[in-house]
Amino acid sequence: MDLSRRLEALLELAEQIGIDVRAEAMGGGGGGLCRLKGRRVLFVDTAADLATRYDRTLAALAGLEEIDAHYLLPEVRQDIERQRRSKNV
């Protein structure tokens, strides 16, 4: 499965769990999850390459246990688990 489809799946998941997704140019290395005025906001850096956007989004969502209750494409689920394992090392 191509990376753009995986990123799309992650962004759809973020919206499903109530996270505002904002795509903005941030210089190519930014992006991530934060709280603004009590709401969770996921920034996706449109100036970054596709791999960086995917990695930042994956890292932001992997720490949220609530995503486990939602369907994810098997490839994306594997990436989430790999991300979680790397954080535990």
N, C-alpha and C. Protein backbone atom coordinates (compact mmCIF):
# COMPACT_ATOMS: atom_id res chain seq x y z
N MET A 1 0.85 -1.17 0.00
CA MET A 1 0.00 0.00 0.00
C MET A 1 0.89 1.24 0.00
N ASP A 2 0.51 2.22 -0.78
CA ASP A 2 1.37 3.39 -0.89
C ASP A 2 1.23 4.30 0.33
N LEU A 3 2.24 5.12 0.54
CA LEU A 3 2.34 5.96 1.72
C LEU A 3 1.24 7.02 1.77
N SER A 4 0.83 7.53 0.63
CA SER A 4 -0.22 8.55 0.65
C SER A 4 -1.53 7.97 1.16
N ARG A 5 -1.83 6.74 0.81
CA ARG A 5 -3.06 6.09 1.31
C ARG A 5 -2.97 5.85 2.81
N ARG A 6 -1.78 5.48 3.28
CA ARG A 6 -1.60 5.27 4.72
C ARG A 6 -1.80 6.58 5.48
N LEU A 7 -1.23 7.66 4.95
CA LEU A 7 -1.40 8.95 5.60
C LEU A 7 -2.86 9.35 5.61
N GLU A 8 -3.53 9.16 4.52
CA GLU A 8 -4.96 9.47 4.43
C GLU A 8 -5.75 8.70 5.49
N ALA A 9 -5.42 7.43 5.68
CA ALA A 9 -6.11 6.61 6.69
C ALA A 9 -5.87 7.16 8.09
N LEU A 10 -4.64 7.59 8.38
CA LEU A 10 -4.35 8.15 9.70
C LEU A 10 -5.10 9.46 9.93
N LEU A 11 -5.17 10.29 8.91
CA LEU A 11 -5.87 11.57 9.05
C LEU A 11 -7.37 11.35 9.23
N GLU A 12 -7.93 10.37 8.55
CA GLU A 12 -9.34 10.04 8.73
C GLU A 12 -9.58 9.55 10.15
N LEU A 13 -8.68 8.74 10.66
CA LEU A 13 -8.79 8.24 12.03
C LEU A 13 -8.75 9.40 13.02
N ALA A 14 -7.82 10.32 12.82
CA ALA A 14 -7.72 11.48 13.71
C ALA A 14 -9.05 12.23 13.78
N GLU A 15 -9.65 12.45 12.64
CA GLU A 15 -10.93 13.14 12.62
C GLU A 15 -12.03 12.32 13.30
N GLN A 16 -12.00 11.01 13.12
CA GLN A 16 -13.00 10.14 13.75
C GLN A 16 -12.96 10.22 15.27
N ILE A 17 -11.77 10.42 15.83
CA ILE A 17 -11.65 10.46 17.29
C ILE A 17 -11.69 11.90 17.82
N GLY A 18 -12.10 12.82 16.97
CA GLY A 18 -12.34 14.18 17.43
C GLY A 18 -11.15 15.12 17.40
N ILE A 19 -10.14 14.80 16.64
CA ILE A 19 -8.98 15.67 16.53
C ILE A 19 -9.16 16.55 15.30
N ASP A 20 -8.94 17.85 15.49
CA ASP A 20 -8.96 18.78 14.35
C ASP A 20 -7.67 18.60 13.57
N VAL A 21 -7.77 18.43 12.27
CA VAL A 21 -6.59 18.27 11.42
C VAL A 21 -6.40 19.55 10.62
N ARG A 22 -5.20 20.11 10.72
CA ARG A 22 -4.88 21.33 9.98
C ARG A 22 -3.63 21.09 9.14
N ALA A 23 -3.76 21.30 7.86
CA ALA A 23 -2.63 21.19 6.94
C ALA A 23 -2.10 22.59 6.68
N GLU A 24 -0.86 22.82 7.10
CA GLU A 24 -0.25 24.13 6.95
C GLU A 24 1.23 23.98 6.65
N ALA A 25 1.76 24.91 5.87
CA ALA A 25 3.20 24.92 5.61
C ALA A 25 3.92 25.36 6.87
N MET A 26 4.85 24.51 7.34
CA MET A 26 5.56 24.80 8.58
C MET A 26 7.08 24.68 8.39
N GLY A 27 7.55 24.80 7.19
CA GLY A 27 8.98 24.78 6.96
C GLY A 27 9.57 23.43 6.61
N GLY A 28 8.78 22.40 6.60
CA GLY A 28 9.26 21.09 6.17
C GLY A 28 9.63 20.12 7.26
N GLY A 29 9.74 20.55 8.49
CA GLY A 29 10.14 19.63 9.55
C GLY A 29 9.18 19.60 10.71
N GLY A 30 8.08 20.30 10.59
CA GLY A 30 7.16 20.43 11.70
C GLY A 30 6.01 19.45 11.63
N GLY A 31 5.02 19.78 12.39
CA GLY A 31 3.83 18.94 12.46
C GLY A 31 3.79 18.19 13.77
N GLY A 32 2.60 17.78 14.15
CA GLY A 32 2.43 17.03 15.38
C GLY A 32 1.11 17.37 16.05
N LEU A 33 0.91 16.78 17.20
CA LEU A 33 -0.33 16.91 17.94
C LEU A 33 -0.13 17.86 19.11
N CYS A 34 -1.09 18.75 19.31
CA CYS A 34 -1.04 19.67 20.44
C CYS A 34 -2.46 19.99 20.89
N ARG A 35 -2.55 20.76 21.97
CA ARG A 35 -3.84 21.24 22.45
C ARG A 35 -3.88 22.75 22.27
N LEU A 36 -4.96 23.20 21.67
CA LEU A 36 -5.21 24.63 21.51
C LEU A 36 -6.59 24.93 22.06
N LYS A 37 -6.64 25.77 23.07
CA LYS A 37 -7.91 26.14 23.69
C LYS A 37 -8.72 24.92 24.08
N GLY A 38 -8.03 23.91 24.61
CA GLY A 38 -8.69 22.71 25.10
C GLY A 38 -9.03 21.66 24.05
N ARG A 39 -8.75 21.95 22.79
CA ARG A 39 -9.04 21.00 21.71
C ARG A 39 -7.75 20.41 21.18
N ARG A 40 -7.80 19.13 20.82
CA ARG A 40 -6.63 18.51 20.21
C ARG A 40 -6.57 18.89 18.74
N VAL A 41 -5.39 19.29 18.31
CA VAL A 41 -5.18 19.70 16.93
C VAL A 41 -3.95 18.98 16.40
N LEU A 42 -4.10 18.36 15.25
CA LEU A 42 -3.00 17.70 14.57
C LEU A 42 -2.57 18.58 13.40
N PHE A 43 -1.35 19.08 13.47
CA PHE A 43 -0.81 19.88 12.38
C PHE A 43 -0.04 18.97 11.44
N VAL A 44 -0.33 19.09 10.16
CA VAL A 44 0.36 18.35 9.12
C VAL A 44 1.12 19.39 8.28
N ASP A 45 2.43 19.25 8.25
CA ASP A 45 3.30 20.21 7.57
C ASP A 45 3.29 19.94 6.06
N THR A 46 2.60 20.79 5.33
CA THR A 46 2.49 20.60 3.87
C THR A 46 3.81 20.89 3.16
N ALA A 47 4.76 21.52 3.84
CA ALA A 47 6.07 21.77 3.23
C ALA A 47 7.00 20.56 3.37
N ALA A 48 6.62 19.59 4.20
CA ALA A 48 7.43 18.39 4.41
C ALA A 48 7.14 17.38 3.31
N ASP A 49 8.10 16.49 3.09
CA ASP A 49 7.86 15.42 2.11
C ASP A 49 6.87 14.41 2.70
N LEU A 50 6.35 13.57 1.85
CA LEU A 50 5.31 12.62 2.24
C LEU A 50 5.76 11.72 3.38
N ALA A 51 6.97 11.21 3.32
CA ALA A 51 7.47 10.32 4.38
C ALA A 51 7.52 11.03 5.73
N THR A 52 7.95 12.28 5.75
CA THR A 52 8.00 13.04 7.00
C THR A 52 6.61 13.30 7.53
N ARG A 53 5.69 13.68 6.65
CA ARG A 53 4.30 13.91 7.10
C ARG A 53 3.73 12.63 7.70
N TYR A 54 3.97 11.50 7.06
CA TYR A 54 3.46 10.23 7.57
C TYR A 54 4.09 9.89 8.93
N ASP A 55 5.42 10.01 9.01
CA ASP A 55 6.11 9.67 10.26
C ASP A 55 5.65 10.54 11.42
N ARG A 56 5.47 11.84 11.19
CA ARG A 56 5.03 12.75 12.25
C ARG A 56 3.60 12.43 12.68
N THR A 57 2.75 12.14 11.73
CA THR A 57 1.36 11.81 12.04
C THR A 57 1.28 10.48 12.78
N LEU A 58 2.04 9.51 12.32
CA LEU A 58 2.09 8.20 12.96
C LEU A 58 2.56 8.34 14.41
N ALA A 59 3.62 9.08 14.63
CA ALA A 59 4.15 9.26 15.98
C ALA A 59 3.13 9.97 16.88
N ALA A 60 2.41 10.93 16.33
CA ALA A 60 1.42 11.67 17.12
C ALA A 60 0.26 10.78 17.55
N LEU A 61 -0.19 9.92 16.67
CA LEU A 61 -1.37 9.10 16.97
C LEU A 61 -1.05 7.80 17.69
N ALA A 62 0.16 7.29 17.53
CA ALA A 62 0.52 6.01 18.14
C ALA A 62 0.41 6.03 19.66
N GLY A 63 0.59 7.18 20.26
CA GLY A 63 0.51 7.29 21.71
C GLY A 63 -0.90 7.35 22.26
N LEU A 64 -1.89 7.36 21.42
CA LEU A 64 -3.28 7.46 21.86
C LEU A 64 -3.91 6.07 21.90
N GLU A 65 -4.21 5.60 23.10
CA GLU A 65 -4.80 4.27 23.24
C GLU A 65 -6.18 4.17 22.60
N GLU A 66 -6.89 5.28 22.51
CA GLU A 66 -8.25 5.25 21.96
C GLU A 66 -8.30 4.80 20.50
N ILE A 67 -7.19 4.87 19.80
CA ILE A 67 -7.20 4.44 18.40
C ILE A 67 -7.34 2.93 18.27
N ASP A 68 -7.02 2.21 19.34
CA ASP A 68 -7.11 0.74 19.30
C ASP A 68 -8.53 0.25 19.08
N ALA A 69 -9.50 1.05 19.41
CA ALA A 69 -10.91 0.66 19.27
C ALA A 69 -11.44 0.90 17.86
N HIS A 70 -10.60 1.42 16.98
CA HIS A 70 -11.03 1.76 15.62
C HIS A 70 -10.33 0.87 14.60
N TYR A 71 -11.03 0.64 13.50
CA TYR A 71 -10.43 -0.14 12.42
C TYR A 71 -9.31 0.67 11.78
N LEU A 72 -8.21 -0.02 11.54
CA LEU A 72 -7.11 0.55 10.78
C LEU A 72 -6.69 -0.46 9.72
N LEU A 73 -6.27 0.04 8.59
CA LEU A 73 -5.73 -0.86 7.59
C LEU A 73 -4.59 -1.66 8.21
N PRO A 74 -4.46 -2.94 7.87
CA PRO A 74 -3.42 -3.77 8.49
C PRO A 74 -2.02 -3.17 8.41
N GLU A 75 -1.68 -2.56 7.29
CA GLU A 75 -0.35 -1.98 7.14
C GLU A 75 -0.15 -0.81 8.11
N VAL A 76 -1.20 -0.03 8.29
CA VAL A 76 -1.12 1.11 9.21
C VAL A 76 -1.05 0.60 10.65
N ARG A 77 -1.84 -0.41 10.97
CA ARG A 77 -1.80 -1.00 12.32
C ARG A 77 -0.39 -1.51 12.63
N GLN A 78 0.25 -2.15 11.66
CA GLN A 78 1.62 -2.63 11.86
C GLN A 78 2.58 -1.47 12.11
N ASP A 79 2.40 -0.39 11.38
CA ASP A 79 3.26 0.79 11.58
C ASP A 79 3.05 1.38 12.97
N ILE A 80 1.81 1.41 13.43
CA ILE A 80 1.50 1.92 14.77
C ILE A 80 2.19 1.04 15.83
N GLU A 81 2.07 -0.25 15.68
CA GLU A 81 2.69 -1.17 16.65
C GLU A 81 4.21 -1.03 16.63
N ARG A 82 4.79 -0.88 15.47
CA ARG A 82 6.24 -0.69 15.35
C ARG A 82 6.66 0.61 16.05
N GLN A 83 5.87 1.66 15.85
CA GLN A 83 6.14 2.95 16.49
C GLN A 83 6.08 2.82 18.00
N ARG A 84 5.08 2.12 18.49
CA ARG A 84 4.92 1.94 19.94
C ARG A 84 6.08 1.14 20.52
N ARG A 85 6.49 0.09 19.83
CA ARG A 85 7.63 -0.70 20.29
C ARG A 85 8.90 0.13 20.36
N SER A 86 9.10 0.99 19.38
CA SER A 86 10.33 1.80 19.37
C SER A 86 10.34 2.82 20.50
N LYS A 87 9.17 3.24 20.95
CA LYS A 87 9.09 4.17 22.08
C LYS A 87 9.36 3.48 23.41
N ASN A 88 9.12 2.19 23.47
CA ASN A 88 9.33 1.43 24.71
C ASN A 88 10.77 0.99 24.90
N VAL A 89 11.58 1.18 23.90
CA VAL A 89 12.98 0.74 23.98
C VAL A 89 13.80 1.74 24.73
